Amino acid sequence: MLHSTATPKEKRQAFRSGLASGKLQRFPGAFSPLTAMLIEEQGFDGIYISGAVLSADLGLPDIGLTTLSEVSQRGHQIARVTDLPSLIDVDTGFGEPMNAARTIRMLEDLGLAGCHIEDQVNPKRCGHLDNKAVVETGEMVRRIKAAASARRDPDFVLCARTDARAIEGLDAAIERAKAYLDAGADMIFAEAMADEREFEAFRRAIPAPLLANMTEFGKSKLLSARTLQNLGINMVIYPVTLLRLAMGAAEVGLKTLQIEGSQESILDRMQHRARLYELLGYEDYNRFDSSIFNFHI
């Protein structure tokens, strides 16, 4: 009720334990606190907070227009309602290495369990679009070193994302990942891998947890959780799935309302009021009120 019962420290420790468990950690993307509560209820391992989704929710394209305060505060709103660990996308760290360091401190203060920082130039592009550009390896190493040095909680997970596969090739992306680990990253996010073979190559070369991005309509083949587990991948994110489902349903609903003049024909597609109250724990609040205001005049 109101907030999660687990502390940020406990969530970060659970995140690290999950990554070391040998079991694939599944983190669907939440576009709101309410969807994060649903992800937890459905038995997933954690919450992912996508920069692309946050940008879209603000009516913006995913090209680095969001700010640290916008992203971190939304992350806090989502992380506070669930006992699951939350991993948040912070694009290129919001500026120079000092900005990346400040970003880590802010996320720690706001209860996030980890973040990923990428090696694209700023302004960035969606990782599954063409014409991306990456910074020199040394510049990204400085970002990661700054972020790692800023950590006060050693359990906060720092993930380095490389977009180099589409620009410099698979071998170059692997070499970058090694440099990022040496700089202090805990986990590697290799963006826009084509298929199982490329994930296998990363797994052979990288002695650290690996994150796979299974986003729809992108450059990566959609692999099942079982396949990713067998490939030795530690974590998978589904960043935009819930937003796409929700927006698809919303568009159908609005068209129906416009054409038919009533929502009567689509009531069976809606979440019922009783189900929403169940997810929110409405009765818990009622019981709390009753326990406090139990006096008689």
Protein backbone atom coordinates (compact mmCIF):
# COMPACT_ATOMS: atom_id res chain seq x y z
CA MET A 1 0.00 0.00 0.00
CA LEU A 2 1.30 3.45 -1.04
CA HIS A 3 4.86 2.20 -1.58
CA SER A 4 6.73 -1.06 -1.96
CA THR A 5 7.77 -2.92 1.18
CA ALA A 6 11.27 -3.76 -0.08
CA THR A 7 14.01 -1.17 0.36
CA PRO A 8 16.10 0.05 -2.61
CA LYS A 9 19.05 -1.88 -1.18
CA GLU A 10 17.02 -5.09 -1.04
CA LYS A 11 15.83 -4.60 -4.63
CA ARG A 12 19.39 -4.06 -5.86
CA GLN A 13 20.59 -7.16 -4.05
CA ALA A 14 17.71 -9.14 -5.55
CA PHE A 15 18.66 -7.85 -9.01
CA ARG A 16 22.27 -8.97 -8.61
CA SER A 17 21.19 -12.32 -7.20
CA GLY A 18 18.88 -12.85 -10.15
CA LEU A 19 21.62 -12.07 -12.65
CA ALA A 20 23.90 -14.59 -10.94
CA SER A 21 21.23 -17.28 -10.58
CA GLY A 22 21.55 -18.89 -14.00
CA LYS A 23 17.84 -18.22 -14.58
CA LEU A 24 16.80 -15.78 -17.29
CA GLN A 25 15.52 -12.57 -15.70
CA ARG A 26 12.45 -11.24 -17.55
CA PHE A 27 11.82 -7.48 -17.33
CA PRO A 28 8.78 -6.19 -19.27
CA GLY A 29 8.67 -2.45 -19.85
CA ALA A 30 6.32 -0.41 -17.66
CA PHE A 31 4.91 2.85 -19.00
CA SER A 32 3.27 3.78 -15.70
CA PRO A 33 3.27 2.80 -12.03
CA LEU A 34 0.01 0.88 -12.57
CA THR A 35 1.56 -1.28 -15.29
CA ALA A 36 4.54 -1.95 -13.02
CA MET A 37 2.11 -3.29 -10.41
CA LEU A 38 0.58 -5.57 -13.03
CA ILE A 39 4.02 -6.85 -14.10
CA GLU A 40 4.79 -7.78 -10.50
CA GLU A 41 1.41 -9.44 -10.01
CA GLN A 42 1.96 -11.56 -13.12
CA GLY A 43 5.16 -13.03 -11.70
CA PHE A 44 7.95 -11.39 -13.70
CA ASP A 45 11.41 -10.79 -12.28
CA GLY A 46 11.71 -7.05 -12.64
CA ILE A 47 10.60 -3.81 -14.27
CA TYR A 48 12.22 -2.14 -17.25
CA ILE A 49 11.77 1.61 -17.82
CA SER A 50 12.38 2.43 -21.48
CA GLY A 51 13.65 5.77 -22.70
CA ALA A 52 11.71 5.26 -25.94
CA VAL A 53 8.50 4.65 -24.03
CA LEU A 54 9.02 7.60 -21.70
CA SER A 55 9.70 9.85 -24.69
CA ALA A 56 6.60 8.59 -26.50
CA ASP A 57 4.48 9.10 -23.40
CA LEU A 58 5.60 12.75 -23.43
CA GLY A 59 4.72 13.02 -27.13
CA LEU A 60 8.38 13.08 -28.20
CA PRO A 61 10.51 10.90 -30.52
CA ASP A 62 13.33 8.86 -29.01
CA ILE A 63 16.17 11.19 -30.01
CA GLY A 64 17.54 12.29 -26.65
CA LEU A 65 15.10 15.13 -25.95
CA THR A 66 14.17 14.04 -22.43
CA THR A 67 16.00 15.41 -19.41
CA LEU A 68 17.51 13.80 -16.32
CA SER A 69 14.78 15.20 -14.10
CA GLU A 70 11.99 13.90 -16.37
CA VAL A 71 13.49 10.44 -16.65
CA SER A 72 14.58 10.03 -13.03
CA GLN A 73 11.30 11.25 -11.57
CA ARG A 74 9.28 8.93 -13.80
CA GLY A 75 11.60 6.13 -12.79
CA HIS A 76 10.99 6.94 -9.13
CA GLN A 77 7.22 6.93 -9.61
CA ILE A 78 7.41 3.46 -11.15
CA ALA A 79 10.01 1.96 -8.81
CA ARG A 80 8.24 3.05 -5.63
CA VAL A 81 5.09 0.93 -6.23
CA THR A 82 6.75 -2.46 -6.68
CA ASP A 83 9.01 -4.79 -4.72
CA LEU A 84 10.70 -5.80 -7.97
CA PRO A 85 14.01 -4.23 -9.07
CA SER A 86 13.75 -1.58 -11.78
CA LEU A 87 16.31 -1.03 -14.56
CA ILE A 88 16.06 2.35 -16.29
CA ASP A 89 17.33 3.59 -19.64
CA VAL A 90 19.34 6.82 -19.29
CA ASP A 91 20.39 7.15 -22.94
CA THR A 92 23.92 8.61 -23.13
CA GLY A 93 23.98 9.79 -19.51
CA PHE A 94 22.57 13.27 -20.23
CA GLY A 95 25.83 14.92 -21.21
CA GLU A 96 29.50 14.74 -20.34
CA PRO A 97 31.04 12.18 -17.93
CA MET A 98 30.23 14.47 -14.98
CA ASN A 99 26.59 14.39 -16.04
CA ALA A 100 26.71 10.59 -16.12
CA ALA A 101 28.08 10.62 -12.57
CA ARG A 102 25.27 12.91 -11.42
CA THR A 103 22.75 10.65 -13.13
CA ILE A 104 23.88 7.65 -11.07
CA ARG A 105 23.63 9.58 -7.80
CA MET A 106 20.13 10.77 -8.70
CA LEU A 107 18.95 7.27 -9.58
CA GLU A 108 20.36 5.84 -6.35
CA ASP A 109 18.55 8.50 -4.34
CA LEU A 110 15.27 7.74 -6.12
CA GLY A 111 15.29 3.98 -5.52
CA LEU A 112 16.24 2.54 -8.91
CA ALA A 113 18.10 -0.77 -8.94
CA GLY A 114 20.21 -0.08 -12.01
CA CYS A 115 20.52 1.71 -15.33
CA HIS A 116 22.07 1.36 -18.75
CA ILE A 117 24.17 3.97 -20.54
CA GLU A 118 24.85 3.72 -24.28
CA ASP A 119 27.69 4.60 -26.61
CA GLN A 120 25.73 6.54 -29.21
CA VAL A 121 26.48 10.15 -30.04
CA ASN A 122 24.10 12.77 -28.72
CA PRO A 123 21.45 13.36 -30.02
CA LYS A 124 20.85 9.63 -30.16
CA ARG A 125 18.47 7.52 -32.24
CA CYS A 126 16.33 4.49 -31.48
CA GLY A 127 18.63 1.48 -31.41
CA HIS A 128 16.71 -0.32 -34.15
CA LEU A 129 16.80 2.51 -36.70
CA ASP A 130 19.40 3.07 -39.41
CA ASN A 131 21.98 5.87 -39.53
CA LYS A 132 23.04 5.65 -35.89
CA ALA A 133 26.47 6.87 -34.85
CA VAL A 134 28.62 5.85 -31.90
CA VAL A 135 31.28 7.78 -30.02
CA GLU A 136 34.88 6.65 -29.90
CA THR A 137 35.49 3.79 -27.48
CA GLY A 138 37.56 6.05 -25.24
CA GLU A 139 34.72 8.53 -24.83
CA MET A 140 32.30 5.81 -23.76
CA VAL A 141 34.93 4.40 -21.39
CA ARG A 142 35.06 7.82 -19.71
CA ARG A 143 31.24 7.80 -19.36
CA ILE A 144 31.32 4.38 -17.73
CA LYS A 145 34.25 5.23 -15.44
CA ALA A 146 32.48 8.38 -14.27
CA ALA A 147 29.24 6.49 -13.65
CA ALA A 148 30.98 3.64 -11.82
CA SER A 149 32.99 6.01 -9.63
CA ALA A 150 29.84 7.87 -8.61
CA ARG A 151 28.16 4.79 -7.11
CA ARG A 152 27.70 4.84 -3.37
CA ASP A 153 25.79 1.57 -3.28
CA PRO A 154 27.97 -1.18 -4.81
CA ASP A 155 24.82 -3.20 -5.53
CA PHE A 156 23.50 -0.60 -7.98
CA VAL A 157 23.81 -2.32 -11.38
CA LEU A 158 25.59 -0.39 -14.12
CA CYS A 159 24.89 -1.78 -17.59
CA ALA A 160 26.80 -0.59 -20.67
CA ARG A 161 24.88 -0.65 -23.94
CA THR A 162 26.72 -0.76 -27.24
CA ASP A 163 25.07 0.12 -30.55
CA ALA A 164 28.25 -0.64 -32.50
CA ARG A 165 27.00 -3.89 -34.09
CA ALA A 166 25.10 -2.04 -36.84
CA ILE A 167 27.92 0.42 -37.51
CA GLU A 168 31.25 -1.27 -36.91
CA GLY A 169 30.31 -4.94 -36.97
CA LEU A 170 29.97 -7.73 -34.44
CA ASP A 171 33.65 -8.15 -33.58
CA ALA A 172 34.07 -4.43 -32.92
CA ALA A 173 30.98 -4.44 -30.70
CA ILE A 174 32.47 -7.29 -28.66
CA GLU A 175 35.77 -5.44 -28.26
CA ARG A 176 33.91 -2.36 -27.10
CA ALA A 177 31.98 -4.45 -24.57
CA LYS A 178 35.24 -5.75 -23.11
CA ALA A 179 36.53 -2.19 -22.72
CA TYR A 180 33.31 -1.13 -21.01
CA LEU A 181 33.59 -3.98 -18.52
CA ASP A 182 37.17 -2.96 -17.76
CA ALA A 183 35.89 0.58 -17.14
CA GLY A 184 33.49 -0.62 -14.44
CA ALA A 185 30.30 -1.85 -16.10
CA ASP A 186 28.58 -4.85 -14.49
CA MET A 187 26.52 -6.00 -17.47
CA ILE A 188 26.51 -5.63 -21.26
CA PHE A 189 23.52 -4.74 -23.43
CA ALA A 190 24.37 -5.52 -27.06
CA GLU A 191 21.71 -3.67 -29.05
CA ALA A 192 20.15 -4.87 -32.31
CA MET A 193 21.67 -8.35 -32.43
CA ALA A 194 20.38 -10.16 -35.51
CA ASP A 195 19.94 -13.75 -34.33
CA GLU A 196 21.07 -16.61 -32.09
CA ARG A 197 24.49 -16.77 -33.71
CA GLU A 198 25.34 -13.22 -32.69
CA PHE A 199 24.17 -13.74 -29.11
CA GLU A 200 26.28 -16.90 -29.01
CA ALA A 201 29.34 -14.93 -30.11
CA PHE A 202 28.81 -12.39 -27.34
CA ARG A 203 28.28 -15.13 -24.78
CA ARG A 204 31.54 -16.83 -25.71
CA ALA A 205 33.51 -13.59 -25.54
CA ILE A 206 32.01 -11.72 -22.59
CA PRO A 207 32.53 -12.98 -18.99
CA ALA A 208 29.69 -10.90 -17.53
CA PRO A 209 25.88 -10.84 -17.50
CA LEU A 210 24.29 -10.15 -20.90
CA LEU A 211 21.01 -8.37 -21.64
CA ALA A 212 18.90 -9.12 -24.73
CA ASN A 213 16.37 -6.66 -26.13
CA MET A 214 13.31 -8.41 -27.59
CA THR A 215 11.51 -5.40 -29.01
CA GLU A 216 8.87 -5.78 -31.69
CA PHE A 217 9.30 -4.58 -35.30
CA GLY A 218 13.05 -4.12 -34.90
CA LYS A 219 16.23 -5.65 -36.28
CA SER A 220 16.46 -8.54 -33.82
CA LYS A 221 14.77 -11.88 -34.34
CA LEU A 222 12.22 -12.39 -31.55
CA LEU A 223 13.61 -15.27 -29.51
CA SER A 224 11.67 -17.14 -26.86
CA ALA A 225 12.62 -17.06 -23.20
CA ARG A 226 13.62 -20.72 -23.46
CA THR A 227 15.96 -20.00 -26.37
CA LEU A 228 17.56 -17.06 -24.57
CA GLN A 229 18.00 -19.19 -21.45
CA ASN A 230 19.71 -21.89 -23.51
CA LEU A 231 21.99 -19.26 -25.07
CA GLY A 232 23.16 -18.25 -21.61
CA ILE A 233 21.57 -14.80 -21.66
CA ASN A 234 21.01 -13.44 -18.15
CA MET A 235 18.26 -10.90 -18.76
CA VAL A 236 15.69 -10.01 -21.39
CA ILE A 237 13.68 -6.80 -21.74
CA TYR A 238 10.40 -6.29 -23.58
CA PRO A 239 10.57 -2.49 -23.61
CA VAL A 240 7.59 -1.31 -25.66
CA THR A 241 5.26 -4.34 -25.60
CA LEU A 242 2.76 -3.02 -23.06
CA LEU A 243 2.65 0.46 -24.58
CA ARG A 244 2.02 -0.98 -28.04
CA LEU A 245 -0.74 -3.22 -26.73
CA ALA A 246 -2.36 -0.38 -24.80
CA MET A 247 -2.14 2.13 -27.65
CA GLY A 248 -3.47 -0.40 -30.14
CA ALA A 249 -6.48 -1.07 -27.91
CA ALA A 250 -6.98 2.64 -27.23
CA GLU A 251 -7.01 3.42 -30.95
CA VAL A 252 -9.60 0.72 -31.62
CA GLY A 253 -11.71 1.97 -28.72
CA LEU A 254 -11.67 5.58 -29.85
CA LYS A 255 -12.59 4.63 -33.41
CA THR A 256 -15.48 2.55 -32.09
CA LEU A 257 -16.68 5.41 -29.91
CA GLN A 258 -16.45 7.82 -32.85
CA ILE A 259 -18.30 5.54 -35.27
CA GLU A 260 -20.89 3.93 -32.99
CA GLY A 261 -21.40 6.77 -30.55
CA SER A 262 -21.12 4.43 -27.56
CA GLN A 263 -18.62 2.08 -25.92
CA GLU A 264 -21.28 -0.59 -25.39
CA SER A 265 -19.86 -2.99 -28.02
CA ILE A 266 -16.34 -3.01 -26.55
CA LEU A 267 -17.08 -3.35 -22.84
CA ASP A 268 -15.82 -6.93 -22.89
CA ARG A 269 -12.37 -5.68 -24.00
CA MET A 270 -11.99 -3.37 -21.02
CA GLN A 271 -10.49 -4.01 -17.63
CA HIS A 272 -13.45 -4.06 -15.26
CA ARG A 273 -13.66 -1.57 -12.42
CA ALA A 274 -13.54 -4.44 -9.92
CA ARG A 275 -10.33 -5.77 -11.47
CA LEU A 276 -8.70 -2.33 -11.35
CA TYR A 277 -9.62 -1.99 -7.67
CA GLU A 278 -8.19 -5.44 -7.01
CA LEU A 279 -4.88 -4.48 -8.65
CA LEU A 280 -4.74 -1.22 -6.71
CA GLY A 281 -5.45 -2.97 -3.42
CA TYR A 282 -8.47 -0.78 -2.83
CA GLU A 283 -9.67 -2.84 0.13
CA ASP A 284 -6.31 -2.43 1.87
CA TYR A 285 -6.87 1.32 1.91
CA ASN A 286 -10.39 0.85 3.22
CA ARG A 287 -9.13 -1.38 6.03
CA PHE A 288 -6.45 1.15 6.89
CA ASP A 289 -9.02 3.94 7.11
CA SER A 290 -11.26 1.78 9.30
CA SER A 291 -8.42 0.97 11.66
CA ILE A 292 -7.60 4.65 12.13
CA PHE A 293 -11.07 6.19 12.19
CA ASN A 294 -12.69 3.70 14.54
CA PHE A 295 -13.87 6.12 17.21
CA HIS A 296 -17.50 6.94 18.09
CA ILE A 297 -19.06 10.25 19.08
